[in-house]
Amino acid sequence: METRIALIGIIVETPDSVESLNAILHDYSEFIIGRMGIPYKQRNVSVISVIVDAPTDVISALSGKLGMLPNVNAKTVYSKLPSQ
Protein backbone atom coordinates (compact mmCIF):
# COMPACT_ATOMS: atom_id res chain seq x y z
CA MET A 1 0.00 0.00 0.00
CA GLU A 2 1.50 3.32 -1.07
CA THR A 3 1.17 6.10 1.45
CA ARG A 4 1.94 9.80 1.55
CA ILE A 5 2.75 12.17 4.35
CA ALA A 6 0.35 15.08 4.61
CA LEU A 7 -0.45 17.98 6.91
CA ILE A 8 -4.09 18.87 7.47
CA GLY A 9 -4.55 22.41 8.75
CA ILE A 10 -7.85 22.97 10.54
CA ILE A 11 -9.49 26.12 11.88
CA VAL A 12 -12.47 25.61 14.18
CA GLU A 13 -14.58 28.75 14.40
CA THR A 14 -17.02 27.58 17.12
CA PRO A 15 -16.75 25.01 19.90
CA ASP A 16 -19.97 23.33 18.69
CA SER A 17 -18.05 21.26 16.10
CA VAL A 18 -15.25 20.00 18.36
CA GLU A 19 -16.97 16.78 19.43
CA SER A 20 -17.70 15.77 15.82
CA LEU A 21 -14.18 16.73 14.77
CA ASN A 22 -12.61 14.61 17.51
CA ALA A 23 -14.84 11.64 16.58
CA ILE A 24 -13.66 11.84 12.95
CA LEU A 25 -10.01 12.09 13.99
CA HIS A 26 -10.49 9.09 16.27
CA ASP A 27 -11.85 7.08 13.33
CA TYR A 28 -8.61 7.79 11.43
CA SER A 29 -6.25 7.48 14.42
CA GLU A 30 -4.27 4.60 12.87
CA PHE A 31 -3.00 7.03 10.20
CA ILE A 32 -2.30 10.01 12.47
CA ILE A 33 1.37 10.58 13.31
CA GLY A 34 0.82 13.67 15.45
CA ARG A 35 -1.59 16.44 16.28
CA MET A 36 -1.21 19.90 17.76
CA GLY A 37 -4.02 22.25 18.71
CA ILE A 38 -3.75 25.84 19.81
CA PRO A 39 -6.68 27.91 21.06
CA TYR A 40 -6.50 31.49 19.83
CA LYS A 41 -8.63 33.18 22.48
CA GLN A 42 -8.34 36.69 21.05
CA ARG A 43 -10.15 35.55 17.89
CA ASN A 44 -12.23 32.82 19.59
CA VAL A 45 -10.98 30.07 17.25
CA SER A 46 -8.85 26.96 17.55
CA VAL A 47 -6.09 26.10 15.11
CA ILE A 48 -5.20 22.42 14.75
CA SER A 49 -2.53 20.70 12.69
CA VAL A 50 -2.74 16.97 12.03
CA ILE A 51 0.10 15.02 10.39
CA VAL A 52 -0.90 11.79 8.67
CA ASP A 53 0.83 8.99 6.76
CA ALA A 54 -1.85 7.27 4.69
CA PRO A 55 -2.99 6.37 1.19
CA THR A 56 -4.10 9.40 -0.83
CA ASP A 57 -7.75 8.34 -0.84
CA VAL A 58 -7.77 8.02 2.95
CA ILE A 59 -6.25 11.50 3.35
CA SER A 60 -8.81 12.95 0.94
CA ALA A 61 -11.69 11.26 2.77
CA LEU A 62 -10.49 12.54 6.15
CA SER A 63 -9.97 16.08 4.88
CA GLY A 64 -13.34 16.05 3.14
CA LYS A 65 -15.20 14.89 6.25
CA LEU A 66 -13.51 17.55 8.35
CA GLY A 67 -14.28 20.26 5.80
CA MET A 68 -17.98 19.35 5.77
CA LEU A 69 -18.36 20.05 9.48
CA PRO A 70 -20.11 23.33 10.22
CA ASN A 71 -17.77 26.18 11.14
CA VAL A 72 -14.67 24.09 10.35
CA ASN A 73 -12.17 24.88 7.58
CA ALA A 74 -9.64 22.23 6.56
CA LYS A 75 -6.87 22.29 3.95
CA THR A 76 -4.35 19.61 3.12
CA VAL A 77 -0.73 19.86 2.03
CA TYR A 78 0.90 16.73 0.61
CA SER A 79 4.59 15.87 0.82
CA LYS A 80 6.52 15.24 -2.40
CA LEU A 81 8.49 12.43 -0.73
CA PRO A 82 8.31 9.10 -2.52
CA SER A 83 6.19 6.48 -0.78
CA GLN A 84 7.83 3.59 1.04
PDB file of N, CA and C in Angstrom:
ATOM      1  N   MET A   1       0.843  -1.173   0.000  1.00  0.00           N
ATOM      2  CA  MET A   1       0.000   0.000   0.000  1.00  0.00           C
ATOM      3  C   MET A   1       0.893   1.242   0.000  1.00  0.00           C
ATOM      4  N   GLU A   2       0.748   2.070  -1.005  1.00  0.00           N
ATOM      5  CA  GLU A   2       1.505   3.318  -1.072  1.00  0.00           C
ATOM      6  C   GLU A   2       0.854   4.370  -0.188  1.00  0.00           C
ATOM      7  N   THR A   3       1.686   5.048   0.575  1.00  0.00           N
ATOM      8  CA  THR A   3       1.174   6.104   1.446  1.00  0.00           C
ATOM      9  C   THR A   3       1.917   7.399   1.179  1.00  0.00           C
ATOM     10  N   ARG A   4       1.305   8.479   1.643  1.00  0.00           N
ATOM     11  CA  ARG A   4       1.935   9.799   1.550  1.00  0.00           C
ATOM     12  C   ARG A   4       1.862  10.465   2.906  1.00  0.00           C
ATOM     13  N   ILE A   5       2.787  11.348   3.153  1.00  0.00           N
ATOM     14  CA  ILE A   5       2.746  12.172   4.352  1.00  0.00           C
ATOM     15  C   ILE A   5       2.008  13.454   3.990  1.00  0.00           C
ATOM     16  N   ALA A   6       1.100  13.861   4.860  1.00  0.00           N
ATOM     17  CA  ALA A   6       0.345  15.081   4.607  1.00  0.00           C
ATOM     18  C   ALA A   6       0.102  15.827   5.919  1.00  0.00           C
ATOM     19  N   LEU A   7      -0.082  17.122   5.793  1.00  0.00           N
ATOM     20  CA  LEU A   7      -0.446  17.978   6.913  1.00  0.00           C
ATOM     21  C   LEU A   7      -1.840  18.514   6.640  1.00  0.00           C
ATOM     22  N   ILE A   8      -2.736  18.310   7.580  1.00  0.00           N
ATOM     23  CA  ILE A   8      -4.086  18.866   7.468  1.00  0.00           C
ATOM     24  C   ILE A   8      -4.171  20.024   8.447  1.00  0.00           C
ATOM     25  N   GLY A   9      -4.382  21.221   7.924  1.00  0.00           N
ATOM     26  CA  GLY A   9      -4.549  22.409   8.754  1.00  0.00           C
ATOM     27  C   GLY A   9      -6.029  22.656   8.958  1.00  0.00           C
ATOM     28  N   ILE A  10      -6.434  22.833  10.205  1.00  0.00           N
ATOM     29  CA  ILE A  10      -7.848  22.967  10.541  1.00  0.00           C
ATOM     30  C   ILE A  10      -8.049  24.222  11.384  1.00  0.00           C
ATOM     31  N   ILE A  11      -9.077  24.991  11.047  1.00  0.00           N
ATOM     32  CA  ILE A  11      -9.491  26.123  11.875  1.00  0.00           C
ATOM     33  C   ILE A  11     -10.927  25.862  12.300  1.00  0.00           C
ATOM     34  N   VAL A  12     -11.136  25.838  13.614  1.00  0.00           N
ATOM     35  CA  VAL A  12     -12.466  25.612  14.183  1.00  0.00           C
ATOM     36  C   VAL A  12     -12.973  26.955  14.686  1.00  0.00           C
ATOM     37  N   GLU A  13     -14.079  27.416  14.093  1.00  0.00           N
ATOM     38  CA  GLU A  13     -14.582  28.748  14.404  1.00  0.00           C
ATOM     39  C   GLU A  13     -15.549  28.789  15.579  1.00  0.00           C
ATOM     40  N   THR A  14     -16.146  27.647  15.943  1.00  0.00           N
ATOM     41  CA  THR A  14     -17.023  27.585  17.116  1.00  0.00           C
ATOM     42  C   THR A  14     -16.788  26.256  17.840  1.00  0.00           C
ATOM     43  N   PRO A  15     -16.970  26.248  19.148  1.00  0.00           N
ATOM     44  CA  PRO A  15     -16.749  25.008  19.897  1.00  0.00           C
ATOM     45  C   PRO A  15     -17.801  23.927  19.607  1.00  0.00           C
ATOM     46  N   ASP A  16     -18.887  24.283  18.958  1.00  0.00           N
ATOM     47  CA  ASP A  16     -19.966  23.326  18.686  1.00  0.00           C
ATOM     48  C   ASP A  16     -19.506  22.138  17.844  1.00  0.00           C
ATOM     49  N   SER A  17     -18.495  22.307  17.021  1.00  0.00           N
ATOM     50  CA  SER A  17     -18.050  21.261  16.103  1.00  0.00           C
ATOM     51  C   SER A  17     -16.928  20.395  16.655  1.00  0.00           C
ATOM     52  N   VAL A  18     -16.432  20.698  17.838  1.00  0.00           N
ATOM     53  CA  VAL A  18     -15.254  20.004  18.362  1.00  0.00           C
ATOM     54  C   VAL A  18     -15.521  18.523  18.610  1.00  0.00           C
ATOM     55  N   GLU A  19     -16.684  18.185  19.148  1.00  0.00           N
ATOM     56  CA  GLU A  19     -16.974  16.782  19.432  1.00  0.00           C
ATOM     57  C   GLU A  19     -17.007  15.957  18.147  1.00  0.00           C
ATOM     58  N   SER A  20     -17.649  16.471  17.115  1.00  0.00           N
ATOM     59  CA  SER A  20     -17.696  15.769  15.824  1.00  0.00           C
ATOM     60  C   SER A  20     -16.313  15.667  15.207  1.00  0.00           C
ATOM     61  N   LEU A  21     -15.534  16.731  15.310  1.00  0.00           N
ATOM     62  CA  LEU A  21     -14.179  16.726  14.769  1.00  0.00           C
ATOM     63  C   LEU A  21     -13.325  15.664  15.456  1.00  0.00           C
ATOM     64  N   ASN A  22     -13.396  15.601  16.783  1.00  0.00           N
ATOM     65  CA  ASN A  22     -12.612  14.610  17.513  1.00  0.00           C
ATOM     66  C   ASN A  22     -13.052  13.189  17.180  1.00  0.00           C
ATOM     67  N   ALA A  23     -14.345  12.976  16.948  1.00  0.00           N
ATOM     68  CA  ALA A  23     -14.839  11.643  16.580  1.00  0.00           C
ATOM     69  C   ALA A  23     -14.272  11.217  15.226  1.00  0.00           C
ATOM     70  N   ILE A  24     -14.224  12.148  14.272  1.00  0.00           N
ATOM     71  CA  ILE A  24     -13.659  11.836  12.952  1.00  0.00           C
ATOM     72  C   ILE A  24     -12.170  11.527  13.072  1.00  0.00           C
ATOM     73  N   LEU A  25     -11.443  12.340  13.817  1.00  0.00           N
ATOM     74  CA  LEU A  25     -10.011  12.094  13.991  1.00  0.00           C
ATOM     75  C   LEU A  25      -9.775  10.749  14.671  1.00  0.00           C
ATOM     76  N   HIS A  26     -10.617  10.401  15.615  1.00  0.00           N
ATOM     77  CA  HIS A  26     -10.486   9.094  16.272  1.00  0.00           C
ATOM     78  C   HIS A  26     -10.670   7.954  15.269  1.00  0.00           C
ATOM     79  N   ASP A  27     -11.608   8.115  14.343  1.00  0.00           N
ATOM     80  CA  ASP A  27     -11.848   7.080  13.325  1.00  0.00           C
ATOM     81  C   ASP A  27     -10.621   6.854  12.440  1.00  0.00           C
ATOM     82  N   TYR A  28      -9.795   7.871  12.283  1.00  0.00           N
ATOM     83  CA  TYR A  28      -8.606   7.790  11.425  1.00  0.00           C
ATOM     84  C   TYR A  28      -7.311   7.733  12.243  1.00  0.00           C
ATOM     85  N   SER A  29      -7.415   7.402  13.526  1.00  0.00           N
ATOM     86  CA  SER A  29      -6.253   7.482  14.416  1.00  0.00           C
ATOM     87  C   SER A  29      -5.094   6.577  13.994  1.00  0.00           C
ATOM     88  N   GLU A  30      -5.368   5.493  13.289  1.00  0.00           N
ATOM     89  CA  GLU A  30      -4.275   4.600  12.868  1.00  0.00           C
ATOM     90  C   GLU A  30      -3.343   5.263  11.860  1.00  0.00           C
ATOM     91  N   PHE A  31      -3.804   6.335  11.208  1.00  0.00           N
ATOM     92  CA  PHE A  31      -3.003   7.028  10.202  1.00  0.00           C
ATOM     93  C   PHE A  31      -2.359   8.312  10.741  1.00  0.00           C
ATOM     94  N   ILE A  32      -2.768   8.735  11.924  1.00  0.00           N
ATOM     95  CA  ILE A  32      -2.302  10.012  12.472  1.00  0.00           C
ATOM     96  C   ILE A  32      -0.953   9.829  13.166  1.00  0.00           C
ATOM     97  N   ILE A  33       0.027  10.601  12.720  1.00  0.00           N
ATOM     98  CA  ILE A  33       1.367  10.582  13.313  1.00  0.00           C
ATOM     99  C   ILE A  33       1.410  11.520  14.515  1.00  0.00           C
ATOM    100  N   GLY A  34       0.805  12.690  14.372  1.00  0.00           N
ATOM    101  CA  GLY A  34       0.821  13.674  15.446  1.00  0.00           C
ATOM    102  C   GLY A  34      -0.249  14.731  15.236  1.00  0.00           C
ATOM    103  N   ARG A  35      -0.536  15.412  16.324  1.00  0.00           N
ATOM    104  CA  ARG A  35      -1.585  16.438  16.284  1.00  0.00           C
ATOM    105  C   ARG A  35      -1.217  17.531  17.278  1.00  0.00           C
ATOM    106  N   MET A  36      -1.443  18.782  16.862  1.00  0.00           N
ATOM    107  CA  MET A  36      -1.205  19.902  17.762  1.00  0.00           C
ATOM    108  C   MET A  36      -2.360  20.880  17.616  1.00  0.00           C
ATOM    109  N   GLY A  37      -2.933  21.282  18.728  1.00  0.00           N
ATOM    110  CA  GLY A  37      -4.022  22.248  18.706  1.00  0.00           C
ATOM    111  C   GLY A  37      -3.701  23.432  19.579  1.00  0.00           C
ATOM    112  N   ILE A  38      -4.028  24.610  19.072  1.00  0.00           N
ATOM    113  CA  ILE A  38      -3.751  25.837  19.809  1.00  0.00           C
ATOM    114  C   ILE A  38      -5.019  26.690  19.826  1.00  0.00           C
ATOM    115  N   PRO A  39      -5.548  26.980  21.008  1.00  0.00           N
ATOM    116  CA  PRO A  39      -6.683  27.912  21.063  1.00  0.00           C
ATOM    117  C   PRO A  39      -6.180  29.340  20.892  1.00  0.00           C
ATOM    118  N   TYR A  40      -6.854  30.072  20.044  1.00  0.00           N
ATOM    119  CA  TYR A  40      -6.503  31.486  19.831  1.00  0.00           C
ATOM    120  C   TYR A  40      -7.644  32.302  20.427  1.00  0.00           C
ATOM    121  N   LYS A  41      -7.540  32.576  21.717  1.00  0.00           N
ATOM    122  CA  LYS A  41      -8.628  33.179  22.485  1.00  0.00           C
ATOM    123  C   LYS A  41      -8.995  34.579  22.008  1.00  0.00           C
ATOM    124  N   GLN A  42      -8.042  35.337  21.513  1.00  0.00           N
ATOM    125  CA  GLN A  42      -8.337  36.694  21.051  1.00  0.00           C
ATOM    126  C   GLN A  42      -9.308  36.696  19.881  1.00  0.00           C
ATOM    127  N   ARG A  43      -9.256  35.645  19.048  1.00  0.00           N
ATOM    128  CA  ARG A  43     -10.153  35.555  17.890  1.00  0.00           C
ATOM    129  C   ARG A  43     -11.247  34.507  18.082  1.00  0.00           C
ATOM    130  N   ASN A  44     -11.238  33.839  19.243  1.00  0.00           N
ATOM    131  CA  ASN A  44     -12.225  32.821  19.589  1.00  0.00           C
ATOM    132  C   ASN A  44     -12.275  31.683  18.567  1.00  0.00           C
ATOM    133  N   VAL A  45     -11.095  31.213  18.153  1.00  0.00           N
ATOM    134  CA  VAL A  45     -10.984  30.073  17.247  1.00  0.00           C
ATOM    135  C   VAL A  45      -9.927  29.123  17.791  1.00  0.00           C
ATOM    136  N   SER A  46      -9.919  27.918  17.258  1.00  0.00           N
ATOM    137  CA  SER A  46      -8.851  26.961  17.553  1.00  0.00           C
ATOM    138  C   SER A  46      -8.179  26.587  16.249  1.00  0.00           C
ATOM    139  N   VAL A  47      -6.860  26.478  16.290  1.00  0.00           N
ATOM    140  CA  VAL A  47      -6.087  26.100  15.115  1.00  0.00           C
ATOM    141  C   VAL A  47      -5.441  24.749  15.416  1.00  0.00           C
ATOM    142  N   ILE A  48      -5.673  23.782  14.531  1.00  0.00           N
ATOM    143  CA  ILE A  48      -5.197  22.424  14.745  1.00  0.00           C
ATOM    144  C   ILE A  48      -4.398  21.981  13.528  1.00  0.00           C
ATOM    145  N   SER A  49      -3.274  21.322  13.780  1.00  0.00           N
ATOM    146  CA  SER A  49      -2.532  20.697  12.687  1.00  0.00           C
ATOM    147  C   SER A  49      -2.483  19.200  12.961  1.00  0.00           C
ATOM    148  N   VAL A  50      -2.743  18.420  11.927  1.00  0.00           N
ATOM    149  CA  VAL A  50      -2.742  16.965  12.032  1.00  0.00           C
ATOM    150  C   VAL A  50      -1.811  16.427  10.953  1.00  0.00           C
ATOM    151  N   ILE A  51      -0.827  15.631  11.346  1.00  0.00           N
ATOM    152  CA  ILE A  51       0.097  15.021  10.389  1.00  0.00           C
ATOM    153  C   ILE A  51      -0.316  13.569  10.219  1.00  0.00           C
ATOM    154  N   VAL A  52      -0.476  13.153   8.956  1.00  0.00           N
ATOM    155  CA  VAL A  52      -0.898  11.786   8.665  1.00  0.00           C
ATOM    156  C   VAL A  52       0.062  11.124   7.685  1.00  0.00           C
ATOM    157  N   ASP A  53       0.108   9.810   7.738  1.00  0.00           N
ATOM    158  CA  ASP A  53       0.830   8.990   6.761  1.00  0.00           C
ATOM    159  C   ASP A  53      -0.175   7.934   6.325  1.00  0.00           C
ATOM    160  N   ALA A  54      -0.742   8.114   5.130  1.00  0.00           N
ATOM    161  CA  ALA A  54      -1.855   7.274   4.691  1.00  0.00           C
ATOM    162  C   ALA A  54      -1.946   7.263   3.175  1.00  0.00           C
ATOM    163  N   PRO A  55      -2.720   6.335   2.622  1.00  0.00           N
ATOM    164  CA  PRO A  55      -2.992   6.374   1.187  1.00  0.00           C
ATOM    165  C   PRO A  55      -3.718   7.673   0.826  1.00  0.00           C
ATOM    166  N   THR A  56      -3.522   8.125  -0.386  1.00  0.00           N
ATOM    167  CA  THR A  56      -4.104   9.398  -0.828  1.00  0.00           C
ATOM    168  C   THR A  56      -5.618   9.434  -0.657  1.00  0.00           C
ATOM    169  N   ASP A  57      -6.299   8.332  -0.961  1.00  0.00           N
ATOM    170  CA  ASP A  57      -7.755   8.339  -0.842  1.00  0.00           C
ATOM    171  C   ASP A  57      -8.209   8.457   0.612  1.00  0.00           C
ATOM    172  N   VAL A  58      -7.445   7.899   1.532  1.00  0.00           N
ATOM    173  CA  VAL A  58      -7.774   8.021   2.955  1.00  0.00           C
ATOM    174  C   VAL A  58      -7.584   9.468   3.416  1.00  0.00           C
ATOM    175  N   ILE A  59      -6.505  10.096   2.985  1.00  0.00           N
ATOM    176  CA  ILE A  59      -6.250  11.497   3.345  1.00  0.00           C
ATOM    177  C   ILE A  59      -7.357  12.386   2.793  1.00  0.00           C
ATOM    178  N   SER A  60      -7.744  12.152   1.556  1.00  0.00           N
ATOM    179  CA  SER A  60      -8.809  12.950   0.937  1.00  0.00           C
ATOM    180  C   SER A  60     -10.137  12.769   1.667  1.00  0.00           C
ATOM    181  N   ALA A  61     -10.442  11.521   2.048  1.00  0.00           N
ATOM    182  CA  ALA A  61     -11.689  11.262   2.766  1.00  0.00           C
ATOM    183  C   ALA A  61     -11.701  11.962   4.122  1.00  0.00           C
ATOM    184  N   LEU A  62     -10.589  11.885   4.849  1.00  0.00           N
ATOM    185  CA  LEU A  62     -10.488  12.545   6.151  1.00  0.00           C
ATOM    186  C   LEU A  62     -10.640  14.049   6.008  1.00  0.00           C
ATOM    187  N   SER A  63      -9.902  14.634   5.088  1.00  0.00           N
ATOM    188  CA  SER A  63      -9.967  16.079   4.880  1.00  0.00           C
ATOM    189  C   SER A  63     -11.372  16.512   4.460  1.00  0.00           C
ATOM    190  N   GLY A  64     -11.993  15.730   3.595  1.00  0.00           N
ATOM    191  CA  GLY A  64     -13.342  16.049   3.136  1.00  0.00           C
ATOM    192  C   GLY A  64     -14.357  16.011   4.260  1.00  0.00           C
ATOM    193  N   LYS A  65     -14.275  14.999   5.111  1.00  0.00           N
ATOM    194  CA  LYS A  65     -15.204  14.894   6.245  1.00  0.00           C
ATOM    195  C   LYS A  65     -15.016  16.054   7.217  1.00  0.00           C
ATOM    196  N   LEU A  66     -13.767  16.426   7.457  1.00  0.00           N
ATOM    197  CA  LEU A  66     -13.509  17.553   8.350  1.00  0.00           C
ATOM    198  C   LEU A  66     -14.048  18.852   7.758  1.00  0.00           C
ATOM    199  N   GLY A  67     -13.832  19.036   6.469  1.00  0.00           N
ATOM    200  CA  GLY A  67     -14.277  20.261   5.804  1.00  0.00           C
ATOM    201  C   GLY A  67     -15.783  20.395   5.711  1.00  0.00           C
ATOM    202  N   MET A  68     -16.511  19.292   5.822  1.00  0.00           N
ATOM    203  CA  MET A  68     -17.976  19.347   5.766  1.00  0.00           C
ATOM    204  C   MET A  68     -18.609  19.694   7.115  1.00  0.00           C
ATOM    205  N   LEU A  69     -17.817  19.678   8.174  1.00  0.00           N
ATOM    206  CA  LEU A  69     -18.359  20.053   9.479  1.00  0.00           C
ATOM    207  C   LEU A  69     -18.688  21.539   9.497  1.00  0.00           C
ATOM    208  N   PRO A  70     -19.781  21.908  10.154  1.00  0.00           N
ATOM    209  CA  PRO A  70     -20.113  23.335  10.224  1.00  0.00           C
ATOM    210  C   PRO A  70     -19.055  24.110  11.008  1.00  0.00           C
ATOM    211  N   ASN A  71     -18.725  25.266  10.504  1.00  0.00           N
ATOM    212  CA  ASN A  71     -17.770  26.178  11.141  1.00  0.00           C
ATOM    213  C   ASN A  71     -16.367  25.600  11.278  1.00  0.00           C
ATOM    214  N   VAL A  72     -16.011  24.670  10.371  1.00  0.00           N
ATOM    215  CA  VAL A  72     -14.670  24.091  10.346  1.00  0.00           C
ATOM    216  C   VAL A  72     -14.101  24.259   8.939  1.00  0.00           C
ATOM    217  N   ASN A  73     -12.879  24.764   8.853  1.00  0.00           N
ATOM    218  CA  ASN A  73     -12.173  24.877   7.577  1.00  0.00           C
ATOM    219  C   ASN A  73     -10.964  23.965   7.634  1.00  0.00           C
ATOM    220  N   ALA A  74     -10.769  23.161   6.590  1.00  0.00           N
ATOM    221  CA  ALA A  74      -9.635  22.233   6.556  1.00  0.00           C
ATOM    222  C   ALA A  74      -8.974  22.280   5.184  1.00  0.00           C
ATOM    223  N   LYS A  75      -7.663  22.323   5.182  1.00  0.00           N
ATOM    224  CA  LYS A  75      -6.870  22.293   3.949  1.00  0.00           C
ATOM    225  C   LYS A  75      -5.734  21.298   4.137  1.00  0.00           C
ATOM    226  N   THR A  76      -5.364  20.650   3.050  1.00  0.00           N
ATOM    227  CA  THR A  76      -4.349  19.606   3.119  1.00  0.00           C
ATOM    228  C   THR A  76      -3.160  19.951   2.239  1.00  0.00           C
ATOM    229  N   VAL A  77      -1.974  19.704   2.770  1.00  0.00           N
ATOM    230  CA  VAL A  77      -0.725  19.864   2.029  1.00  0.00           C
ATOM    231  C   VAL A  77      -0.056  18.495   1.990  1.00  0.00           C
ATOM    232  N   TYR A  78       0.294  18.039   0.782  1.00  0.00           N
ATOM    233  CA  TYR A  78       0.905  16.727   0.610  1.00  0.00           C
ATOM    234  C   TYR A  78       2.416  16.858   0.438  1.00  0.00           C
ATOM    235  N   SER A  79       3.149  15.921   0.994  1.00  0.00           N
ATOM    236  CA  SER A  79       4.586  15.868   0.820  1.00  0.00           C
ATOM    237  C   SER A  79       4.906  15.349  -0.583  1.00  0.00           C
ATOM    238  N   LYS A  80       6.059  15.753  -1.105  1.00  0.00           N
ATOM    239  CA  LYS A  80       6.521  15.244  -2.400  1.00  0.00           C
ATOM    240  C   LYS A  80       7.440  14.042  -2.221  1.00  0.00           C
ATOM    241  N   LEU A  81       7.634  13.596  -0.982  1.00  0.00           N
ATOM    242  CA  LEU A  81       8.494  12.434  -0.730  1.00  0.00           C
ATOM    243  C   LEU A  81       7.936  11.197  -1.416  1.00  0.00           C
ATOM    244  N   PRO A  82       8.800  10.347  -1.949  1.00  0.00           N
ATOM    245  CA  PRO A  82       8.310   9.099  -2.521  1.00  0.00           C
ATOM    246  C   PRO A  82       7.757   8.185  -1.433  1.00  0.00           C
ATOM    247  N   SER A  83       6.763   7.394  -1.780  1.00  0.00           N
ATOM    248  CA  SER A  83       6.191   6.480  -0.782  1.00  0.00           C
ATOM    249  C   SER A  83       7.148   5.348  -0.493  1.00  0.00           C
ATOM    250  N   GLN A  84       6.958   4.715   0.649  1.00  0.00           N
ATOM    251  CA  GLN A  84       7.827   3.594   1.038  1.00  0.00           C
ATOM    252  C   GLN A  84       7.062   2.304   0.959  1.00  0.00           C
TER     253      GLN A  84
END
